[in-house]
Amino acid sequence: MTHQTPPTPAWWPAPSDLPLMVVGPNPAMDRLQVIGQLEPGAVHRVRTVAARAGGKSFIVARSIRALGPHVELFGFLGGAAGQLARKECTELGMGDRHTPIAADTRITPVVVEAKTGRSTVFNEPGPPLTADEQAAFRAAVDDALVAGRVVVCTGSLPPDLEPDTYARIVGVANERGAYAAVDASGTVLRETLAAHPWLVKCNRHEFEGVLKEDAEHDDAAIRERMRALVADGVGIVIVTMGARSFLVATADGVWSVTVPTVPTVNATGSGDTFLAAFIASVKLGATFADALAAAAAGGAFNAARLEPGLIPGAELAPLAEQIGFTRIDGASAARATAEVRSA
C-alpha cells in the first residue's frame, strides 16, 4: 500500500452485536455450467455443473458468513428452488428472514467458458408478488432496522416491487440511526442516491447511468459526479472501474485504488464479494482503508474461482497487501455532510 490511505469517515458504524442485514428481494437458484467456448446456435457438451442459492443477496450473505459475522437475509422465496435456498441458510448458519410466496423462485443459468474465462448469465425477471406478500416483506425489514444496524440492499427487484424500494429502506435506516449500503443500477440506483445512503457501490457502467446523458463519461466526469453525491449527502461512493482499479469518494476526498491481478476463472459475483468483504471487515472493526483493501481482495479471490462467493478460510490478506491508494484530491465542502451525520 501507499501512504496515501483514506481516513475512516466520520459517518461510520460503531461496534454492535446486531447481525448484519442483507436485503435482496430477487434471489435465485444459480446453475453454473462450464463449457469450452460458447458458440451461438451450436450444441455444447457441459464439463462441470454446480447449483446453489444465488442472486446477489445470497452471494453477499454467504461471503459475509464465510468471513465470520452473523447475517440475516430478507427477500422472497417460493417453490422447490426456494426450499433449497432456505436449506442452505440453515446449513450455513444464516438467518432466514425471507417472506414466503406462492410463486416459484427464479433459476439463473450461468455459462462459464473454460477457454476465455467469460461468463454468460441469463437473468429471469423474478416471480409475481401479491400485495400481502409485499406488505409482509416491508414489515419484516422495517421491524429489523434499529439504531446501529448495518443493512445491505443488493440486486434487482421483482417486477411487482416499486423502484423506490431501496430508497424507502435507506430513508428508514437514516431516521433510526442504521447504516444502509446499496448495490443497484438504473432507476433503482437513481432513486436510492436521492435518499442519501451511507454507502453506494456500483460498477462503472451502472454509475454512468446516473450521469447526464450529454456528459462525457470519462474518469474526470465520474469523479466529479462522485464528489457531487457526497456533497449532497451520500456518505461513501465506490465505483469499480474494471478488473484493475476502483474509485472511492468520501467527504475527505477521492482516491483511486489498484486491485490484485489474478487469473480469471469466473468473474460472476466479484462485485458482490467485493461488497461482502468490505461490510464484513467493517463489522469486524476494520479501518476504512483496511476494509477497502479487504474488498479488493475479496473481488479478486472470487474471480479466480468457479463458484461465486467467498469460502471459509479464504486467504485474503496476501491479496489485500497488493493494493495501492492514490489520492486524487483532498477534502471539500462535503466534509460538513459527514460532520452532520456524526453529530
Protein backbone atom coordinates (compact mmCIF):
# COMPACT_ATOMS: atom_id res chain seq x y z
CA MET A 1 0.00 0.00 0.00
CA THR A 2 0.99 3.58 -0.45
CA HIS A 3 0.92 6.05 2.42
CA GLN A 4 -1.99 7.96 0.85
CA THR A 5 -4.62 5.85 2.53
CA PRO A 6 -8.03 7.44 3.09
CA PRO A 7 -9.03 8.18 6.70
CA THR A 8 -12.06 6.49 8.21
CA PRO A 9 -15.11 8.70 7.56
CA ALA A 10 -16.98 10.35 10.42
CA TRP A 11 -20.17 8.58 9.32
CA TRP A 12 -19.02 5.09 10.28
CA PRO A 13 -20.72 2.24 12.21
CA ALA A 14 -19.85 1.75 15.85
CA PRO A 15 -19.23 -1.78 17.19
CA SER A 16 -22.50 -3.69 17.54
CA ASP A 17 -23.66 -7.22 18.36
CA LEU A 18 -26.54 -6.97 15.88
CA PRO A 19 -26.35 -9.35 12.90
CA LEU A 20 -25.77 -7.76 9.53
CA MET A 21 -28.85 -7.48 7.30
CA VAL A 22 -28.82 -8.38 3.59
CA VAL A 23 -31.94 -7.35 1.70
CA GLY A 24 -32.25 -8.97 -1.72
CA PRO A 25 -35.85 -9.16 -2.94
CA ASN A 26 -34.98 -11.22 -6.03
CA PRO A 27 -32.86 -14.24 -5.05
CA ALA A 28 -32.34 -17.14 -7.45
CA MET A 29 -31.10 -20.66 -7.76
CA ASP A 30 -27.88 -20.35 -9.75
CA ARG A 31 -26.94 -23.18 -12.10
CA LEU A 32 -23.33 -22.94 -13.32
CA GLN A 33 -22.34 -24.89 -16.43
CA VAL A 34 -18.73 -24.98 -17.66
CA ILE A 35 -18.11 -25.47 -21.40
CA GLY A 36 -15.11 -24.99 -23.66
CA GLN A 37 -16.28 -21.91 -25.53
CA LEU A 38 -19.75 -20.57 -26.25
CA GLU A 39 -20.83 -20.70 -29.90
CA PRO A 40 -24.36 -19.38 -30.60
CA GLY A 41 -26.51 -21.94 -32.39
CA ALA A 42 -24.19 -24.84 -31.58
CA VAL A 43 -24.69 -27.86 -29.32
CA HIS A 44 -22.34 -27.77 -26.33
CA ARG A 45 -21.09 -30.52 -24.07
CA VAL A 46 -21.09 -29.38 -20.43
CA ARG A 47 -17.95 -30.27 -18.49
CA THR A 48 -18.99 -29.29 -14.97
CA VAL A 49 -22.30 -28.38 -13.29
CA ALA A 50 -22.78 -26.68 -9.93
CA ALA A 51 -26.02 -25.39 -8.42
CA ARG A 52 -26.69 -23.40 -5.27
CA ALA A 53 -28.71 -20.50 -3.93
CA GLY A 54 -27.72 -17.34 -5.74
CA GLY A 55 -28.68 -13.92 -6.82
CA LYS A 56 -26.63 -11.06 -5.43
CA SER A 57 -28.11 -11.32 -1.93
CA PHE A 58 -27.04 -14.93 -1.39
CA ILE A 59 -23.55 -14.34 -2.77
CA VAL A 60 -23.12 -11.35 -0.46
CA ALA A 61 -24.58 -13.05 2.61
CA ARG A 62 -22.72 -16.32 2.09
CA SER A 63 -19.45 -14.44 1.66
CA ILE A 64 -20.03 -12.36 4.80
CA ARG A 65 -20.77 -15.51 6.77
CA ALA A 66 -17.61 -17.18 5.43
CA LEU A 67 -15.59 -14.31 6.94
CA GLY A 68 -17.24 -14.71 10.35
CA PRO A 69 -20.01 -12.16 11.00
CA HIS A 70 -23.57 -13.27 11.53
CA VAL A 71 -26.02 -12.25 8.83
CA GLU A 72 -29.77 -12.35 8.18
CA LEU A 73 -31.36 -12.41 4.72
CA PHE A 74 -34.58 -10.65 3.71
CA GLY A 75 -36.37 -11.22 0.43
CA PHE A 76 -38.89 -13.58 -1.18
CA LEU A 77 -38.63 -17.36 -1.58
CA GLY A 78 -41.08 -19.85 -3.05
CA GLY A 79 -41.34 -23.28 -4.66
CA ALA A 80 -38.70 -26.01 -4.81
CA ALA A 81 -35.83 -23.61 -5.53
CA GLY A 82 -36.92 -21.52 -2.56
CA GLN A 83 -36.85 -24.54 -0.28
CA LEU A 84 -33.32 -25.38 -1.37
CA ALA A 85 -32.29 -21.78 -0.62
CA ARG A 86 -33.83 -21.98 2.86
CA LYS A 87 -31.96 -25.23 3.47
CA GLU A 88 -28.71 -23.51 2.55
CA CYS A 89 -29.44 -20.72 5.03
CA THR A 90 -29.80 -23.30 7.78
CA GLU A 91 -26.69 -25.23 6.80
CA LEU A 92 -24.54 -22.08 6.74
CA GLY A 93 -25.91 -20.59 9.94
CA MET A 94 -27.53 -17.60 8.20
CA GLY A 95 -30.78 -16.12 9.48
CA ASP A 96 -33.63 -16.89 7.08
CA ARG A 97 -35.97 -13.89 7.24
CA HIS A 98 -37.36 -14.36 3.73
CA THR A 99 -41.05 -13.82 3.07
CA PRO A 100 -42.76 -16.97 1.72
CA ILE A 101 -44.52 -16.54 -1.63
CA ALA A 102 -46.85 -18.66 -3.76
CA ALA A 103 -44.79 -18.29 -6.94
CA ASP A 104 -41.52 -20.07 -7.69
CA THR A 105 -38.10 -18.54 -7.06
CA ARG A 106 -36.29 -17.90 -10.35
CA ILE A 107 -33.48 -20.07 -11.73
CA THR A 108 -30.41 -18.39 -13.26
CA PRO A 109 -28.29 -20.35 -15.77
CA VAL A 110 -24.65 -19.20 -15.84
CA VAL A 111 -22.48 -20.47 -18.71
CA VAL A 112 -18.74 -20.27 -18.00
CA GLU A 113 -16.22 -20.63 -20.84
CA ALA A 114 -13.13 -22.52 -19.74
CA LYS A 115 -11.15 -21.21 -22.73
CA THR A 116 -11.76 -17.48 -22.20
CA GLY A 117 -12.97 -17.14 -18.59
CA ARG A 118 -16.06 -15.29 -19.82
CA SER A 119 -19.42 -15.80 -18.11
CA THR A 120 -22.81 -15.55 -19.80
CA VAL A 121 -25.71 -15.07 -17.39
CA PHE A 122 -29.41 -15.49 -18.16
CA ASN A 123 -31.41 -13.50 -15.60
CA GLU A 124 -35.12 -14.22 -15.29
CA PRO A 125 -37.19 -11.20 -14.18
CA GLY A 126 -38.38 -12.66 -10.88
CA PRO A 127 -41.66 -14.06 -9.59
CA PRO A 128 -45.00 -12.25 -9.29
CA LEU A 129 -45.82 -10.99 -5.79
CA THR A 130 -49.17 -10.42 -4.14
CA ALA A 131 -49.96 -7.25 -2.21
CA ASP A 132 -49.94 -9.22 1.06
CA GLU A 133 -46.52 -10.72 0.29
CA GLN A 134 -45.09 -7.28 -0.44
CA ALA A 135 -46.55 -5.86 2.78
CA ALA A 136 -45.10 -8.74 4.83
CA PHE A 137 -41.65 -8.14 3.33
CA ARG A 138 -41.74 -4.41 4.08
CA ALA A 139 -42.86 -5.06 7.66
CA ALA A 140 -40.08 -7.61 8.26
CA VAL A 141 -37.40 -5.20 7.03
CA ASP A 142 -38.83 -2.22 8.93
CA ASP A 143 -39.01 -4.17 12.20
CA ALA A 144 -35.35 -5.18 11.89
CA LEU A 145 -34.00 -1.70 11.15
CA VAL A 146 -32.83 -0.45 14.53
CA ALA A 147 -30.13 2.01 15.56
CA GLY A 148 -26.60 0.89 14.79
CA ARG A 149 -27.57 -1.92 12.43
CA VAL A 150 -25.91 -2.25 9.01
CA VAL A 151 -28.18 -3.22 6.12
CA VAL A 152 -27.06 -4.13 2.61
CA CYS A 153 -29.61 -3.69 -0.20
CA THR A 154 -28.45 -5.53 -3.29
CA GLY A 155 -29.65 -6.82 -6.61
CA SER A 156 -32.58 -6.36 -8.93
CA LEU A 157 -36.20 -6.05 -7.86
CA PRO A 158 -39.04 -8.38 -8.88
CA PRO A 159 -41.37 -6.70 -11.40
CA ASP A 160 -44.10 -6.03 -8.83
CA LEU A 161 -41.89 -4.04 -6.44
CA GLU A 162 -41.68 -0.28 -6.88
CA PRO A 163 -38.28 1.15 -7.95
CA ASP A 164 -38.13 3.24 -4.76
CA THR A 165 -37.98 0.08 -2.59
CA TYR A 166 -34.33 0.58 -1.65
CA ALA A 167 -34.75 4.34 -1.31
CA ARG A 168 -37.50 3.74 1.22
CA ILE A 169 -35.29 1.35 3.22
CA VAL A 170 -32.49 3.94 3.18
CA GLY A 171 -34.89 6.57 4.48
CA VAL A 172 -35.97 4.38 7.40
CA ALA A 173 -32.35 3.46 8.17
CA ASN A 174 -31.31 7.12 8.25
CA GLU A 175 -34.22 8.06 10.51
CA ARG A 176 -33.35 5.32 13.01
CA GLY A 177 -29.56 5.65 13.02
CA ALA A 178 -28.90 2.50 10.97
CA TYR A 179 -26.39 2.29 8.10
CA ALA A 180 -27.64 1.43 4.61
CA ALA A 181 -25.29 0.18 1.88
CA VAL A 182 -26.72 -0.19 -1.62
CA ASP A 183 -25.59 -2.00 -4.78
CA ALA A 184 -28.11 -1.28 -7.55
CA SER A 185 -28.47 0.08 -11.08
CA GLY A 186 -30.76 2.06 -13.35
CA THR A 187 -33.84 3.75 -11.93
CA VAL A 188 -33.42 1.92 -8.62
CA LEU A 189 -29.93 3.38 -8.21
CA ARG A 190 -31.01 6.90 -9.15
CA GLU A 191 -33.89 6.89 -6.67
CA THR A 192 -31.71 5.40 -3.94
CA LEU A 193 -29.00 8.04 -4.34
CA ALA A 194 -31.60 10.74 -3.73
CA ALA A 195 -32.31 9.13 -0.33
CA HIS A 196 -28.63 9.57 0.74
CA PRO A 197 -27.41 6.09 1.74
CA TRP A 198 -24.38 5.62 3.98
CA LEU A 199 -22.65 3.76 1.15
CA VAL A 200 -23.30 3.11 -2.53
CA LYS A 201 -21.24 0.67 -4.57
CA CYS A 202 -21.63 0.05 -8.30
CA ASN A 203 -19.57 -0.63 -11.40
CA ARG A 204 -18.61 1.95 -14.00
CA HIS A 205 -21.39 1.01 -16.42
CA GLU A 206 -24.02 1.26 -13.69
CA PHE A 207 -22.64 4.57 -12.47
CA GLU A 208 -22.58 6.06 -15.95
CA GLY A 209 -26.33 5.58 -15.91
CA VAL A 210 -26.64 8.32 -13.26
CA LEU A 211 -24.56 10.80 -15.26
CA LYS A 212 -26.30 13.27 -17.53
CA GLU A 213 -26.91 11.84 -21.00
CA ASP A 214 -24.86 14.59 -22.66
CA ALA A 215 -21.91 14.22 -20.29
CA GLU A 216 -18.62 12.75 -21.40
CA HIS A 217 -18.25 9.55 -19.43
CA ASP A 218 -14.52 9.86 -18.84
CA ASP A 219 -12.82 9.33 -15.49
CA ALA A 220 -12.96 13.03 -14.66
CA ALA A 221 -16.73 13.16 -15.17
CA ILE A 222 -17.18 10.12 -12.96
CA ARG A 223 -15.05 11.59 -10.19
CA GLU A 224 -16.93 14.89 -10.37
CA ARG A 225 -20.29 13.13 -10.05
CA MET A 226 -18.97 11.13 -7.10
CA ARG A 227 -17.90 14.36 -5.36
CA ALA A 228 -21.32 15.88 -6.03
CA LEU A 229 -23.12 12.91 -4.49
CA VAL A 230 -21.01 13.11 -1.34
CA ALA A 231 -21.65 16.84 -1.11
CA ASP A 232 -25.37 16.10 -1.48
CA GLY A 233 -25.41 13.69 1.46
CA VAL A 234 -24.21 10.23 0.38
CA GLY A 235 -21.58 9.01 2.84
CA ILE A 236 -19.29 6.84 0.67
CA VAL A 237 -19.36 6.30 -3.09
CA ILE A 238 -17.42 3.38 -4.60
CA VAL A 239 -17.26 2.82 -8.36
CA THR A 240 -15.39 -0.22 -9.67
CA MET A 241 -13.54 0.65 -12.89
CA GLY A 242 -12.92 -2.82 -14.27
CA ALA A 243 -10.53 -5.54 -13.23
CA ARG A 244 -7.65 -3.25 -12.26
CA SER A 245 -8.94 -0.43 -10.07
CA PHE A 246 -11.82 1.31 -8.36
CA LEU A 247 -12.61 4.85 -7.23
CA VAL A 248 -13.81 5.83 -3.77
CA ALA A 249 -15.13 9.21 -2.63
CA THR A 250 -15.89 10.48 0.86
CA ALA A 251 -16.06 13.89 2.50
CA ASP A 252 -12.26 13.64 2.83
CA GLY A 253 -11.57 13.39 -0.89
CA VAL A 254 -11.32 10.96 -3.81
CA TRP A 255 -8.92 8.01 -4.17
CA SER A 256 -8.05 5.62 -6.94
CA VAL A 257 -7.30 2.12 -5.66
CA THR A 258 -5.44 -0.54 -7.62
CA VAL A 259 -6.51 -4.15 -7.13
CA PRO A 260 -4.69 -7.51 -7.31
CA THR A 261 -4.36 -9.24 -10.68
CA VAL A 262 -5.41 -12.90 -10.73
CA PRO A 263 -6.11 -15.46 -13.47
CA THR A 264 -9.86 -15.21 -14.13
CA VAL A 265 -11.89 -18.40 -13.90
CA ASN A 266 -15.38 -16.90 -13.37
CA ALA A 267 -15.81 -13.19 -12.67
CA THR A 268 -19.52 -13.58 -11.89
CA GLY A 269 -20.13 -12.32 -8.36
CA SER A 270 -16.85 -10.44 -7.97
CA GLY A 271 -18.70 -7.19 -7.29
CA ASP A 272 -20.79 -8.98 -4.69
CA THR A 273 -17.79 -10.48 -2.89
CA PHE A 274 -16.11 -7.05 -3.04
CA LEU A 275 -19.07 -5.58 -1.16
CA ALA A 276 -19.33 -8.54 1.21
CA ALA A 277 -15.67 -8.35 2.21
CA PHE A 278 -15.98 -4.61 2.82
CA ILE A 279 -19.09 -4.96 5.01
CA ALA A 280 -17.70 -7.94 6.92
CA SER A 281 -14.50 -6.01 7.61
CA VAL A 282 -16.48 -3.03 8.89
CA LYS A 283 -18.37 -5.38 11.21
CA LEU A 284 -15.09 -6.84 12.47
CA GLY A 285 -13.76 -3.39 13.39
CA ALA A 286 -11.51 -2.58 10.43
CA THR A 287 -10.48 0.90 9.45
CA PHE A 288 -11.84 2.33 6.21
CA ALA A 289 -8.57 1.71 4.36
CA ASP A 290 -8.33 -1.88 5.57
CA ALA A 291 -11.97 -2.52 4.64
CA LEU A 292 -11.27 -1.23 1.13
CA ALA A 293 -8.22 -3.48 0.88
CA ALA A 294 -10.28 -6.48 2.00
CA ALA A 295 -12.95 -5.59 -0.57
CA ALA A 296 -10.42 -5.55 -3.41
CA ALA A 297 -9.01 -8.87 -2.20
CA GLY A 298 -12.48 -10.39 -1.97
CA GLY A 299 -13.34 -9.48 -5.53
CA ALA A 300 -10.05 -10.88 -6.83
CA PHE A 301 -10.40 -14.09 -4.81
CA ASN A 302 -13.85 -14.66 -6.31
CA ALA A 303 -12.68 -14.12 -9.90
CA ALA A 304 -10.12 -16.89 -9.54
CA ARG A 305 -12.76 -19.50 -8.59
CA LEU A 306 -15.60 -21.25 -10.44
CA GLU A 307 -18.40 -20.82 -7.90
CA PRO A 308 -19.26 -17.23 -6.89
CA GLY A 309 -18.66 -16.22 -3.29
CA LEU A 310 -16.04 -16.41 -0.59
CA ILE A 311 -15.37 -19.59 1.35
CA PRO A 312 -14.43 -20.21 4.99
CA GLY A 313 -10.70 -19.85 5.41
CA ALA A 314 -10.31 -17.70 2.28
CA GLU A 315 -6.82 -16.18 2.33
CA LEU A 316 -7.49 -12.52 1.58
CA ALA A 317 -4.52 -10.97 3.38
CA PRO A 318 -1.90 -11.74 0.69
CA LEU A 319 -4.17 -10.21 -1.95
CA ALA A 320 -5.01 -7.19 0.23
CA GLU A 321 -1.29 -6.43 0.57
CA GLN A 322 -1.04 -5.92 -3.20
CA ILE A 323 -3.38 -2.93 -3.47
CA GLY A 324 -2.31 0.71 -3.63
CA PHE A 325 -4.04 4.01 -2.90
CA THR A 326 -3.57 7.17 -4.93
CA ARG A 327 -5.13 10.35 -3.61
CA ILE A 328 -6.72 12.32 -6.44
CA ASP A 329 -7.87 15.35 -4.50
CA GLY A 330 -8.45 16.47 -0.94
CA ALA A 331 -11.39 17.29 1.26
CA SER A 332 -14.04 19.72 0.10
CA ALA A 333 -17.11 21.42 1.45
CA ALA A 334 -18.67 17.96 1.51
CA ARG A 335 -16.89 17.40 4.85
CA ALA A 336 -19.78 19.21 6.53
CA THR A 337 -22.10 16.38 5.48
CA ALA A 338 -20.07 13.79 7.38
CA GLU A 339 -19.81 16.04 10.41
CA VAL A 340 -23.58 16.44 10.49
CA ARG A 341 -24.07 12.67 10.19
CA SER A 342 -21.78 12.02 13.16
CA ALA A 343 -23.36 14.68 15.38
